[in-house]
PDB file of N, CA and C in Angstrom:
ATOM      1  N   UNK A   1     -50.506-113.718   6.512  1.00  0.00           N
ATOM      2  CA  UNK A   1     -50.182-112.765   7.560  1.00  0.00           C
ATOM      3  C   UNK A   1     -51.198-111.632   7.509  1.00  0.00           C
ATOM      4  N   UNK A   2     -51.792-111.321   8.636  1.00  0.00           N
ATOM      5  CA  UNK A   2     -52.810-110.274   8.720  1.00  0.00           C
ATOM      6  C   UNK A   2     -52.157-108.901   8.643  1.00  0.00           C
ATOM      7  N   UNK A   3     -52.888-107.961   8.065  1.00  0.00           N
ATOM      8  CA  UNK A   3     -52.441-106.575   7.973  1.00  0.00           C
ATOM      9  C   UNK A   3     -52.336-105.995   9.381  1.00  0.00           C
ATOM     10  N   UNK A   4     -51.205-105.338   9.684  1.00  0.00           N
ATOM     11  CA  UNK A   4     -50.994-104.750  11.008  1.00  0.00           C
ATOM     12  C   UNK A   4     -51.355-103.268  10.978  1.00  0.00           C
ATOM     13  N   UNK A   5     -51.877-102.794  12.097  1.00  0.00           N
ATOM     14  CA  UNK A   5     -52.144-101.380  12.313  1.00  0.00           C
ATOM     15  C   UNK A   5     -51.392-100.953  13.560  1.00  0.00           C
ATOM     16  N   UNK A   6     -51.162 -99.652  13.709  1.00  0.00           N
ATOM     17  CA  UNK A   6     -50.426 -99.168  14.876  1.00  0.00           C
ATOM     18  C   UNK A   6     -51.083 -99.591  16.176  1.00  0.00           C
ATOM     19  N   UNK A   7     -52.394 -99.642  16.206  1.00  0.00           N
ATOM     20  CA  UNK A   7     -53.093-100.022  17.440  1.00  0.00           C
ATOM     21  C   UNK A   7     -52.840-101.474  17.832  1.00  0.00           C
ATOM     22  N   UNK A   8     -52.286-102.280  16.912  1.00  0.00           N
ATOM     23  CA  UNK A   8     -51.990-103.677  17.201  1.00  0.00           C
ATOM     24  C   UNK A   8     -50.727-103.856  18.036  1.00  0.00           C
ATOM     25  N   UNK A   9     -49.962-102.781  18.239  1.00  0.00           N
ATOM     26  CA  UNK A   9     -48.705-102.858  18.981  1.00  0.00           C
ATOM     27  C   UNK A   9     -48.852-102.174  20.334  1.00  0.00           C
ATOM     28  N   UNK A  10     -48.082-102.651  21.304  1.00  0.00           N
ATOM     29  CA  UNK A  10     -48.166-102.090  22.653  1.00  0.00           C
ATOM     30  C   UNK A  10     -47.328-100.833  22.823  1.00  0.00           C
ATOM     31  N   UNK A  11     -46.393-100.587  21.902  1.00  0.00           N
ATOM     32  CA  UNK A  11     -45.548 -99.393  22.005  1.00  0.00           C
ATOM     33  C   UNK A  11     -44.995 -99.039  20.633  1.00  0.00           C
ATOM     34  N   UNK A  12     -44.436 -97.852  20.568  1.00  0.00           N
ATOM     35  CA  UNK A  12     -43.775 -97.425  19.330  1.00  0.00           C
ATOM     36  C   UNK A  12     -42.593 -98.329  19.023  1.00  0.00           C
ATOM     37  N   UNK A  13     -41.825 -98.668  20.037  1.00  0.00           N
ATOM     38  CA  UNK A  13     -40.654 -99.528  19.839  1.00  0.00           C
ATOM     39  C   UNK A  13     -41.055-100.882  19.255  1.00  0.00           C
ATOM     40  N   UNK A  14     -42.164-101.434  19.749  1.00  0.00           N
ATOM     41  CA  UNK A  14     -42.631-102.728  19.232  1.00  0.00           C
ATOM     42  C   UNK A  14     -43.061-102.589  17.773  1.00  0.00           C
ATOM     43  N   UNK A  15     -43.749-101.507  17.448  1.00  0.00           N
ATOM     44  CA  UNK A  15     -44.187-101.272  16.068  1.00  0.00           C
ATOM     45  C   UNK A  15     -42.982-101.079  15.151  1.00  0.00           C
ATOM     46  N   UNK A  16     -41.998-100.307  15.603  1.00  0.00           N
ATOM     47  CA  UNK A  16     -40.810-100.051  14.783  1.00  0.00           C
ATOM     48  C   UNK A  16     -40.010-101.328  14.574  1.00  0.00           C
ATOM     49  N   UNK A  17     -39.865-102.128  15.623  1.00  0.00           N
ATOM     50  CA  UNK A  17     -39.125-103.389  15.491  1.00  0.00           C
ATOM     51  C   UNK A  17     -39.819-104.319  14.500  1.00  0.00           C
ATOM     52  N   UNK A  18     -41.137-104.424  14.573  1.00  0.00           N
ATOM     53  CA  UNK A  18     -41.888-105.277  13.649  1.00  0.00           C
ATOM     54  C   UNK A  18     -41.755-104.737  12.219  1.00  0.00           C
ATOM     55  N   UNK A  19     -41.858-103.440  12.069  1.00  0.00           N
ATOM     56  CA  UNK A  19     -41.751-102.775  10.758  1.00  0.00           C
ATOM     57  C   UNK A  19     -40.410-103.100  10.103  1.00  0.00           C
ATOM     58  N   UNK A  20     -39.329-102.931  10.848  1.00  0.00           N
ATOM     59  CA  UNK A  20     -37.986-103.189  10.309  1.00  0.00           C
ATOM     60  C   UNK A  20     -37.787-104.678  10.038  1.00  0.00           C
ATOM     61  N   UNK A  21     -38.248-105.530  10.964  1.00  0.00           N
ATOM     62  CA  UNK A  21     -38.086-106.985  10.796  1.00  0.00           C
ATOM     63  C   UNK A  21     -38.807-107.499   9.556  1.00  0.00           C
ATOM     64  N   UNK A  22     -39.825-106.793   9.108  1.00  0.00           N
ATOM     65  CA  UNK A  22     -40.586-107.204   7.928  1.00  0.00           C
ATOM     66  C   UNK A  22     -40.226-106.389   6.682  1.00  0.00           C
ATOM     67  N   UNK A  23     -39.034-105.776   6.717  1.00  0.00           N
ATOM     68  CA  UNK A  23     -38.522-105.075   5.533  1.00  0.00           C
ATOM     69  C   UNK A  23     -38.941-103.631   5.415  1.00  0.00           C
ATOM     70  N   UNK A  24     -39.488-103.045   6.459  1.00  0.00           N
ATOM     71  CA  UNK A  24     -39.909-101.648   6.411  1.00  0.00           C
ATOM     72  C   UNK A  24     -38.731-100.701   6.264  1.00  0.00           C
ATOM     73  N   UNK A  25     -38.931 -99.666   5.469  1.00  0.00           N
ATOM     74  CA  UNK A  25     -37.903 -98.655   5.220  1.00  0.00           C
ATOM     75  C   UNK A  25     -38.594 -97.429   4.620  1.00  0.00           C
ATOM     76  N   UNK A  26     -37.842 -96.339   4.379  1.00  0.00           N
ATOM     77  CA  UNK A  26     -38.464 -95.180   3.734  1.00  0.00           C
ATOM     78  C   UNK A  26     -39.060 -95.506   2.351  1.00  0.00           C
ATOM     79  N   UNK A  27     -38.527 -96.513   1.695  1.00  0.00           N
ATOM     80  CA  UNK A  27     -39.046 -96.869   0.371  1.00  0.00           C
ATOM     81  C   UNK A  27     -39.977 -98.076   0.392  1.00  0.00           C
ATOM     82  N   UNK A  28     -40.120 -98.734   1.549  1.00  0.00           N
ATOM     83  CA  UNK A  28     -41.003 -99.898   1.661  1.00  0.00           C
ATOM     84  C   UNK A  28     -41.892 -99.719   2.889  1.00  0.00           C
ATOM     85  N   UNK A  29     -43.085 -99.201   2.678  1.00  0.00           N
ATOM     86  CA  UNK A  29     -44.007 -98.877   3.764  1.00  0.00           C
ATOM     87  C   UNK A  29     -44.854-100.104   4.103  1.00  0.00           C
ATOM     88  N   UNK A  30     -44.263-101.033   4.855  1.00  0.00           N
ATOM     89  CA  UNK A  30     -44.920-102.291   5.216  1.00  0.00           C
ATOM     90  C   UNK A  30     -46.219-101.998   5.972  1.00  0.00           C
ATOM     91  N   UNK A  31     -47.304-102.541   5.483  1.00  0.00           N
ATOM     92  CA  UNK A  31     -48.641-102.380   6.068  1.00  0.00           C
ATOM     93  C   UNK A  31     -49.020-100.917   6.309  1.00  0.00           C
ATOM     94  N   UNK A  32     -48.407-100.020   5.598  1.00  0.00           N
ATOM     95  CA  UNK A  32     -48.696 -98.584   5.692  1.00  0.00           C
ATOM     96  C   UNK A  32     -48.517 -98.051   7.124  1.00  0.00           C
ATOM     97  N   UNK A  33     -47.572 -98.638   7.862  1.00  0.00           N
ATOM     98  CA  UNK A  33     -47.315 -98.210   9.233  1.00  0.00           C
ATOM     99  C   UNK A  33     -46.518 -96.915   9.299  1.00  0.00           C
ATOM    100  N   UNK A  34     -45.921 -96.514   8.183  1.00  0.00           N
ATOM    101  CA  UNK A  34     -45.100 -95.304   8.133  1.00  0.00           C
ATOM    102  C   UNK A  34     -45.926 -94.061   7.827  1.00  0.00           C
ATOM    103  N   UNK A  35     -47.217 -94.178   7.736  1.00  0.00           N
ATOM    104  CA  UNK A  35     -48.030 -93.006   7.429  1.00  0.00           C
ATOM    105  C   UNK A  35     -47.761 -92.518   6.021  1.00  0.00           C
ATOM    106  N   UNK A  36     -47.804 -91.215   5.839  1.00  0.00           N
ATOM    107  CA  UNK A  36     -47.621 -90.646   4.501  1.00  0.00           C
ATOM    108  C   UNK A  36     -46.294 -89.936   4.314  1.00  0.00           C
ATOM    109  N   UNK A  37     -45.462 -89.872   5.344  1.00  0.00           N
ATOM    110  CA  UNK A  37     -44.218 -89.114   5.198  1.00  0.00           C
ATOM    111  C   UNK A  37     -43.040 -89.953   4.715  1.00  0.00           C
ATOM    112  N   UNK A  38     -43.155 -91.266   4.709  1.00  0.00           N
ATOM    113  CA  UNK A  38     -42.130 -92.175   4.176  1.00  0.00           C
ATOM    114  C   UNK A  38     -40.730 -91.852   4.697  1.00  0.00           C
ATOM    115  N   UNK A  39     -40.620 -91.755   6.035  1.00  0.00           N
ATOM    116  CA  UNK A  39     -39.314 -91.509   6.636  1.00  0.00           C
ATOM    117  C   UNK A  39     -38.732 -92.749   7.305  1.00  0.00           C
ATOM    118  N   UNK A  40     -39.431 -93.907   7.172  1.00  0.00           N
ATOM    119  CA  UNK A  40     -38.934 -95.146   7.744  1.00  0.00           C
ATOM    120  C   UNK A  40     -39.248 -95.310   9.221  1.00  0.00           C
ATOM    121  N   UNK A  41     -40.080 -94.435   9.776  1.00  0.00           N
ATOM    122  CA  UNK A  41     -40.457 -94.523  11.177  1.00  0.00           C
ATOM    123  C   UNK A  41     -41.922 -94.929  11.259  1.00  0.00           C
ATOM    124  N   UNK A  42     -42.156 -96.086  11.839  1.00  0.00           N
ATOM    125  CA  UNK A  42     -43.519 -96.619  11.937  1.00  0.00           C
ATOM    126  C   UNK A  42     -44.247 -96.019  13.130  1.00  0.00           C
ATOM    127  N   UNK A  43     -45.526 -95.795  12.956  1.00  0.00           N
ATOM    128  CA  UNK A  43     -46.407 -95.381  14.068  1.00  0.00           C
ATOM    129  C   UNK A  43     -45.783 -94.271  14.906  1.00  0.00           C
ATOM    130  N   UNK A  44     -45.376 -93.199  14.271  1.00  0.00           N
ATOM    131  CA  UNK A  44     -44.616 -92.184  14.982  1.00  0.00           C
ATOM    132  C   UNK A  44     -45.441 -91.190  15.791  1.00  0.00           C
ATOM    133  N   UNK A  45     -46.743 -91.265  15.772  1.00  0.00           N
ATOM    134  CA  UNK A  45     -47.549 -90.336  16.563  1.00  0.00           C
ATOM    135  C   UNK A  45     -48.450 -91.072  17.551  1.00  0.00           C
ATOM    136  N   UNK A  46     -47.901 -91.984  18.348  1.00  0.00           N
ATOM    137  CA  UNK A  46     -48.738 -92.759  19.262  1.00  0.00           C
ATOM    138  C   UNK A  46     -49.215 -91.974  20.483  1.00  0.00           C
ATOM    139  N   UNK A  47     -48.628 -90.828  20.763  1.00  0.00           N
ATOM    140  CA  UNK A  47     -49.015 -90.077  21.955  1.00  0.00           C
ATOM    141  C   UNK A  47     -50.493 -89.716  21.921  1.00  0.00           C
ATOM    142  N   UNK A  48     -51.057 -89.607  20.745  1.00  0.00           N
ATOM    143  CA  UNK A  48     -52.469 -89.247  20.641  1.00  0.00           C
ATOM    144  C   UNK A  48     -53.379 -90.470  20.749  1.00  0.00           C
ATOM    145  N   UNK A  49     -52.803 -91.664  20.854  1.00  0.00           N
ATOM    146  CA  UNK A  49     -53.595 -92.881  20.941  1.00  0.00           C
ATOM    147  C   UNK A  49     -53.590 -93.382  22.378  1.00  0.00           C
ATOM    148  N   UNK A  50     -54.721 -93.423  23.040  1.00  0.00           N
ATOM    149  CA  UNK A  50     -54.783 -93.857  24.443  1.00  0.00           C
ATOM    150  C   UNK A  50     -54.219 -95.256  24.638  1.00  0.00           C
ATOM    151  N   UNK A  51     -53.542 -95.452  25.751  1.00  0.00           N
ATOM    152  CA  UNK A  51     -53.051 -96.768  26.115  1.00  0.00           C
ATOM    153  C   UNK A  51     -51.684 -97.116  25.550  1.00  0.00           C
ATOM    154  N   UNK A  52     -51.083 -96.231  24.786  1.00  0.00           N
ATOM    155  CA  UNK A  52     -49.780 -96.545  24.215  1.00  0.00           C
ATOM    156  C   UNK A  52     -48.677 -96.150  25.164  1.00  0.00           C
ATOM    157  N   UNK A  53     -47.653 -97.007  25.250  1.00  0.00           N
ATOM    158  CA  UNK A  53     -46.423 -96.638  25.955  1.00  0.00           C
ATOM    159  C   UNK A  53     -45.607 -95.827  24.966  1.00  0.00           C
ATOM    160  N   UNK A  54     -45.194 -94.645  25.343  1.00  0.00           N
ATOM    161  CA  UNK A  54     -44.558 -93.735  24.379  1.00  0.00           C
ATOM    162  C   UNK A  54     -43.097 -93.464  24.716  1.00  0.00           C
ATOM    163  N   UNK A  55     -42.371 -94.481  25.101  1.00  0.00           N
ATOM    164  CA  UNK A  55     -40.979 -94.302  25.526  1.00  0.00           C
ATOM    165  C   UNK A  55     -40.127 -93.644  24.458  1.00  0.00           C
ATOM    166  N   UNK A  56     -40.306 -93.997  23.205  1.00  0.00           N
ATOM    167  CA  UNK A  56     -39.395 -93.472  22.182  1.00  0.00           C
ATOM    168  C   UNK A  56     -39.990 -92.337  21.369  1.00  0.00           C
ATOM    169  N   UNK A  57     -41.151 -91.836  21.715  1.00  0.00           N
ATOM    170  CA  UNK A  57     -41.744 -90.778  20.904  1.00  0.00           C
ATOM    171  C   UNK A  57     -40.966 -89.479  20.987  1.00  0.00           C
ATOM    172  N   UNK A  58     -40.206 -89.273  22.041  1.00  0.00           N
ATOM    173  CA  UNK A  58     -39.424 -88.047  22.156  1.00  0.00           C
ATOM    174  C   UNK A  58     -38.325 -87.990  21.113  1.00  0.00           C
ATOM    175  N   UNK A  59     -37.890 -89.143  20.622  1.00  0.00           N
ATOM    176  CA  UNK A  59     -36.826 -89.165  19.623  1.00  0.00           C
ATOM    177  C   UNK A  59     -37.358 -89.205  18.202  1.00  0.00           C
ATOM    178  N   UNK A  60     -38.666 -89.225  18.045  1.00  0.00           N
ATOM    179  CA  UNK A  60     -39.263 -89.288  16.718  1.00  0.00           C
ATOM    180  C   UNK A  60     -39.165 -87.932  16.045  1.00  0.00           C
ATOM    181  N   UNK A  61     -38.725 -87.944  14.812  1.00  0.00           N
ATOM    182  CA  UNK A  61     -38.588 -86.700  14.062  1.00  0.00           C
ATOM    183  C   UNK A  61     -39.959 -86.136  13.704  1.00  0.00           C
ATOM    184  N   UNK A  62     -40.120 -84.813  13.753  1.00  0.00           N
ATOM    185  CA  UNK A  62     -41.386 -84.208  13.351  1.00  0.00           C
ATOM    186  C   UNK A  62     -41.544 -84.280  11.836  1.00  0.00           C
ATOM    187  N   UNK A  63     -42.738 -84.073  11.336  1.00  0.00           N
ATOM    188  CA  UNK A  63     -42.934 -84.088   9.891  1.00  0.00           C
ATOM    189  C   UNK A  63     -42.090 -83.003   9.228  1.00  0.00           C
ATOM    190  N   UNK A  64     -41.726 -83.232   7.990  1.00  0.00           N
ATOM    191  CA  UNK A  64     -40.907 -82.268   7.254  1.00  0.00           C
ATOM    192  C   UNK A  64     -41.674 -80.975   7.041  1.00  0.00           C
ATOM    193  N   UNK A  65     -40.967 -79.863   7.177  1.00  0.00           N
ATOM    194  CA  UNK A  65     -41.523 -78.551   6.887  1.00  0.00           C
ATOM    195  C   UNK A  65     -40.660 -77.919   5.810  1.00  0.00           C
ATOM    196  N   UNK A  66     -41.130 -76.882   5.162  1.00  0.00           N
ATOM    197  CA  UNK A  66     -40.351 -76.294   4.065  1.00  0.00           C
ATOM    198  C   UNK A  66     -38.932 -75.914   4.437  1.00  0.00           C
ATOM    199  N   UNK A  67     -38.683 -75.509   5.695  1.00  0.00           N
ATOM    200  CA  UNK A  67     -37.328 -75.124   6.062  1.00  0.00           C
ATOM    201  C   UNK A  67     -36.432 -76.317   6.368  1.00  0.00           C
ATOM    202  N   UNK A  68     -36.954 -77.558   6.354  1.00  0.00           N
ATOM    203  CA  UNK A  68     -36.121 -78.720   6.608  1.00  0.00           C
ATOM    204  C   UNK A  68     -35.998 -79.628   5.386  1.00  0.00           C
ATOM    205  N   UNK A  69     -36.533 -79.213   4.257  1.00  0.00           N
ATOM    206  CA  UNK A  69     -36.449 -80.042   3.056  1.00  0.00           C
ATOM    207  C   UNK A  69     -35.038 -80.013   2.483  1.00  0.00           C
ATOM    208  N   UNK A  70     -34.657 -81.084   1.858  1.00  0.00           N
ATOM    209  CA  UNK A  70     -33.311 -81.200   1.300  1.00  0.00           C
ATOM    210  C   UNK A  70     -33.139 -80.293   0.090  1.00  0.00           C
ATOM    211  N   UNK A  71     -31.908 -79.827  -0.117  1.00  0.00           N
ATOM    212  CA  UNK A  71     -31.572 -79.056  -1.304  1.00  0.00           C
ATOM    213  C   UNK A  71     -31.521 -80.010  -2.490  1.00  0.00           C
ATOM    214  N   UNK A  72     -32.044 -79.590  -3.611  1.00  0.00           N
ATOM    215  CA  UNK A  72     -32.102 -80.482  -4.768  1.00  0.00           C
ATOM    216  C   UNK A  72     -30.902 -80.353  -5.696  1.00  0.00           C
ATOM    217  N   UNK A  73     -30.054 -79.406  -5.486  1.00  0.00           N
ATOM    218  CA  UNK A  73     -28.876 -79.262  -6.331  1.00  0.00           C
ATOM    219  C   UNK A  73     -27.681 -78.845  -5.498  1.00  0.00           C
ATOM    220  N   UNK A  74     -26.487 -79.179  -5.976  1.00  0.00           N
ATOM    221  CA  UNK A  74     -25.287 -78.788  -5.246  1.00  0.00           C
ATOM    222  C   UNK A  74     -25.032 -77.298  -5.472  1.00  0.00           C
ATOM    223  N   UNK A  75     -24.255 -76.671  -4.597  1.00  0.00           N
ATOM    224  CA  UNK A  75     -23.943 -75.254  -4.800  1.00  0.00           C
ATOM    225  C   UNK A  75     -23.299 -74.982  -6.158  1.00  0.00           C
ATOM    226  N   UNK A  76     -22.459 -75.903  -6.628  1.00  0.00           N
ATOM    227  CA  UNK A  76     -21.822 -75.714  -7.925  1.00  0.00           C
ATOM    228  C   UNK A  76     -22.851 -75.722  -9.053  1.00  0.00           C
ATOM    229  N   UNK A  77     -23.829 -76.635  -8.960  1.00  0.00           N
ATOM    230  CA  UNK A  77     -24.883 -76.689  -9.978  1.00  0.00           C
ATOM    231  C   UNK A  77     -25.732 -75.425  -9.953  1.00  0.00           C
ATOM    232  N   UNK A  78     -26.054 -74.962  -8.754  1.00  0.00           N
ATOM    233  CA  UNK A  78     -26.872 -73.754  -8.650  1.00  0.00           C
ATOM    234  C   UNK A  78     -26.098 -72.533  -9.144  1.00  0.00           C
ATOM    235  N   UNK A  79     -24.800 -72.470  -8.874  1.00  0.00           N
ATOM    236  CA  UNK A  79     -23.986 -71.359  -9.358  1.00  0.00           C
ATOM    237  C   UNK A  79     -23.903 -71.378 -10.882  1.00  0.00           C
ATOM    238  N   UNK A  80     -23.735 -72.562 -11.451  1.00  0.00           N
ATOM    239  CA  UNK A  80     -23.681 -72.671 -12.912  1.00  0.00           C
ATOM    240  C   UNK A  80     -24.999 -72.240 -13.527  1.00  0.00           C
ATOM    241  N   UNK A  81     -26.111 -72.635 -12.915  1.00  0.00           N
ATOM    242  CA  UNK A  81     -27.426 -72.245 -13.418  1.00  0.00           C
ATOM    243  C   UNK A  81     -27.601 -70.729 -13.330  1.00  0.00           C
ATOM    244  N   UNK A  82     -27.219 -70.153 -12.199  1.00  0.00           N
ATOM    245  CA  UNK A  82     -27.353 -68.708 -12.022  1.00  0.00           C
ATOM    246  C   UNK A  82     -26.469 -67.964 -13.022  1.00  0.00           C
ATOM    247  N   UNK A  83     -25.250 -68.446 -13.221  1.00  0.00           N
ATOM    248  CA  UNK A  83     -24.350 -67.812 -14.180  1.00  0.00           C
ATOM    249  C   UNK A  83     -24.888 -67.894 -15.592  1.00  0.00           C
ATOM    250  N   UNK A  84     -25.428 -69.045 -15.970  1.00  0.00           N
ATOM    251  CA  UNK A  84     -26.000 -69.208 -17.302  1.00  0.00           C
ATOM    252  C   UNK A  84     -27.198 -68.296 -17.496  1.00  0.00           C
ATOM    253  N   UNK A  85     -28.004 -68.163 -16.467  1.00  0.00           N
ATOM    254  CA  UNK A  85     -29.188 -67.307 -16.536  1.00  0.00           C
ATOM    255  C   UNK A  85     -28.780 -65.849 -16.708  1.00  0.00           C
ATOM    256  N   UNK A  86     -27.779 -65.414 -15.956  1.00  0.00           N
ATOM    257  CA  UNK A  86     -27.308 -64.037 -16.091  1.00  0.00           C
ATOM    258  C   UNK A  86     -26.699 -63.790 -17.461  1.00  0.00           C
ATOM    259  N   UNK A  87     -25.963 -64.756 -17.976  1.00  0.00           N
ATOM    260  CA  UNK A  87     -25.373 -64.617 -19.302  1.00  0.00           C
ATOM    261  C   UNK A  87     -26.456 -64.492 -20.362  1.00  0.00           C
ATOM    262  N   UNK A  88     -27.473 -65.334 -20.279  1.00  0.00           N
ATOM    263  CA  UNK A  88     -28.574 -65.278 -21.234  1.00  0.00           C
ATOM    264  C   UNK A  88     -29.298 -63.937 -21.143  1.00  0.00           C
ATOM    265  N   UNK A  89     -29.524 -63.444 -19.930  1.00  0.00           N
ATOM    266  CA  UNK A  89     -30.186 -62.148 -19.759  1.00  0.00           C
ATOM    267  C   UNK A  89     -29.353 -61.042 -20.387  1.00  0.00           C
ATOM    268  N   UNK A  90     -28.044 -61.099 -20.198  1.00  0.00           N
ATOM    269  CA  UNK A  90     -27.162 -60.093 -20.795  1.00  0.00           C
ATOM    270  C   UNK A  90     -27.203 -60.120 -22.311  1.00  0.00           C
ATOM    271  N   UNK A  91     -27.177 -61.306 -22.888  1.00  0.00           N
ATOM    272  CA  UNK A  91     -27.235 -61.439 -24.348  1.00  0.00           C
ATOM    273  C   UNK A  91     -28.555 -60.876 -24.877  1.00  0.00           C
ATOM    274  N   UNK A  92     -29.645 -61.179 -24.208  1.00  0.00           N
ATOM    275  CA  UNK A  92     -30.951 -60.670 -24.633  1.00  0.00           C
ATOM    276  C   UNK A  92     -31.029 -59.151 -24.539  1.00  0.00           C
ATOM    277  N   UNK A  93     -30.445 -58.570 -23.521  1.00  0.00           N
ATOM    278  CA  UNK A  93     -30.444 -57.112 -23.377  1.00  0.00           C
ATOM    279  C   UNK A  93     -29.642 -56.468 -24.492  1.00  0.00           C
ATOM    280  N   UNK A  94     -28.456 -57.002 -24.779  1.00  0.00           N
ATOM    281  CA  UNK A  94     -27.622 -56.467 -25.862  1.00  0.00           C
ATOM    282  C   UNK A  94     -28.363 -56.581 -27.193  1.00  0.00           C
ATOM    283  N   UNK A  95     -28.974 -57.729 -27.444  1.00  0.00           N
ATOM    284  CA  UNK A  95     -29.725 -57.924 -28.681  1.00  0.00           C
ATOM    285  C   UNK A  95     -30.878 -56.925 -28.780  1.00  0.00           C
ATOM    286  N   UNK A  96     -31.586 -56.726 -27.678  1.00  0.00           N
ATOM    287  CA  UNK A  96     -32.729 -55.803 -27.682  1.00  0.00           C
ATOM    288  C   UNK A  96     -32.276 -54.386 -27.995  1.00  0.00           C
ATOM    289  N   UNK A  97     -31.180 -53.943 -27.405  1.00  0.00           N
ATOM    290  CA  UNK A  97     -30.688 -52.593 -27.683  1.00  0.00           C
ATOM    291  C   UNK A  97     -30.217 -52.452 -29.121  1.00  0.00           C
ATOM    292  N   UNK A  98     -29.522 -53.466 -29.647  1.00  0.00           N
ATOM    293  CA  UNK A  98     -29.073 -53.395 -31.045  1.00  0.00           C
ATOM    294  C   UNK A  98     -30.258 -53.394 -31.998  1.00  0.00           C
ATOM    295  N   UNK A  99     -31.235 -54.239 -31.753  1.00  0.00           N
ATOM    296  CA  UNK A  99     -32.417 -54.331 -32.604  1.00  0.00           C
ATOM    297  C   UNK A  99     -33.183 -53.012 -32.555  1.00  0.00           C
ATOM    298  N   UNK A 100     -33.348 -52.490 -31.360  1.00  0.00           N
ATOM    299  CA  UNK A 100     -34.077 -51.236 -31.184  1.00  0.00           C
ATOM    300  C   UNK A 100     -33.347 -50.076 -31.862  1.00  0.00           C
ATOM    301  N   UNK A 101     -32.030 -50.031 -31.666  1.00  0.00           N
ATOM    302  CA  UNK A 101     -31.241 -48.976 -32.286  1.00  0.00           C
ATOM    303  C   UNK A 101     -31.257 -49.046 -33.802  1.00  0.00           C
ATOM    304  N   UNK A 102     -31.170 -50.236 -34.347  1.00  0.00           N
ATOM    305  CA  UNK A 102     -31.166 -50.430 -35.797  1.00  0.00           C
ATOM    306  C   UNK A 102     -32.519 -50.017 -36.393  1.00  0.00           C
ATOM    307  N   UNK A 103     -33.595 -50.382 -35.773  1.00  0.00           N
ATOM    308  CA  UNK A 103     -34.913 -50.061 -36.294  1.00  0.00           C
ATOM    309  C   UNK A 103     -35.295 -48.609 -36.032  1.00  0.00           C
ATOM    310  N   UNK A 104     -34.796 -48.051 -34.946  1.00  0.00           N
ATOM    311  CA  UNK A 104     -35.058 -46.644 -34.666  1.00  0.00           C
ATOM    312  C   UNK A 104     -34.369 -45.767 -35.716  1.00  0.00           C
ATOM    313  N   UNK A 105     -33.147 -46.143 -36.128  1.00  0.00           N
ATOM    314  CA  UNK A 105     -32.403 -45.382 -37.134  1.00  0.00           C
ATOM    315  C   UNK A 105     -33.086 -45.486 -38.496  1.00  0.00           C
ATOM    316  N   UNK A 106     -33.587 -46.669 -38.870  1.00  0.00           N
ATOM    317  CA  UNK A 106     -34.221 -46.832 -40.187  1.00  0.00           C
ATOM    318  C   UNK A 106     -35.592 -46.161 -40.222  1.00  0.00           C
ATOM    319  N   UNK A 107     -36.302 -46.097 -39.090  1.00  0.00           N
ATOM    320  CA  UNK A 107     -37.596 -45.446 -39.044  1.00  0.00           C
ATOM    321  C   UNK A 107     -37.480 -43.915 -39.110  1.00  0.00           C
ATOM    322  N   UNK A 108     -36.395 -43.381 -38.599  1.00  0.00           N
ATOM    323  CA  UNK A 108     -36.225 -41.911 -38.610  1.00  0.00           C
ATOM    324  C   UNK A 108     -35.833 -41.409 -39.999  1.00  0.00           C
ATOM    325  N   UNK A 109     -35.284 -42.279 -40.868  1.00  0.00           N
ATOM    326  CA  UNK A 109     -34.884 -41.883 -42.222  1.00  0.00           C
ATOM    327  C   UNK A 109     -36.108 -41.770 -43.141  1.00  0.00           C
ATOM    328  N   UNK A 110     -37.188 -42.494 -42.819  1.00  0.00           N
ATOM    329  CA  UNK A 110     -38.320 -42.605 -43.710  1.00  0.00           C
ATOM    330  C   UNK A 110     -39.194 -41.457 -43.724  1.00  0.00           C
TER     331      UNK A 110
END
């Protein structure tokens, strides 16, 4: 089977159908038709290629931007992390004041 390129298809729909029929998915980039974003959408920018029928390009998702990236932790996990961080900061502050106070008192006696 020859390697397919987006230009080998008459439309986005044809490219997407071929991609899916051959096992294409976000984790399986068949013939590299999904570009570099690995979202499972083949040949998603055909509007810039002359001669393409672009019936489904209006429904194609734009590339991910920082404000659309998924959260990597649940709110409970993030709250636990924040609470642990604050607790550690508090312990370090108390230790620093005790250490400073203890050494300041011994230095003033000398």
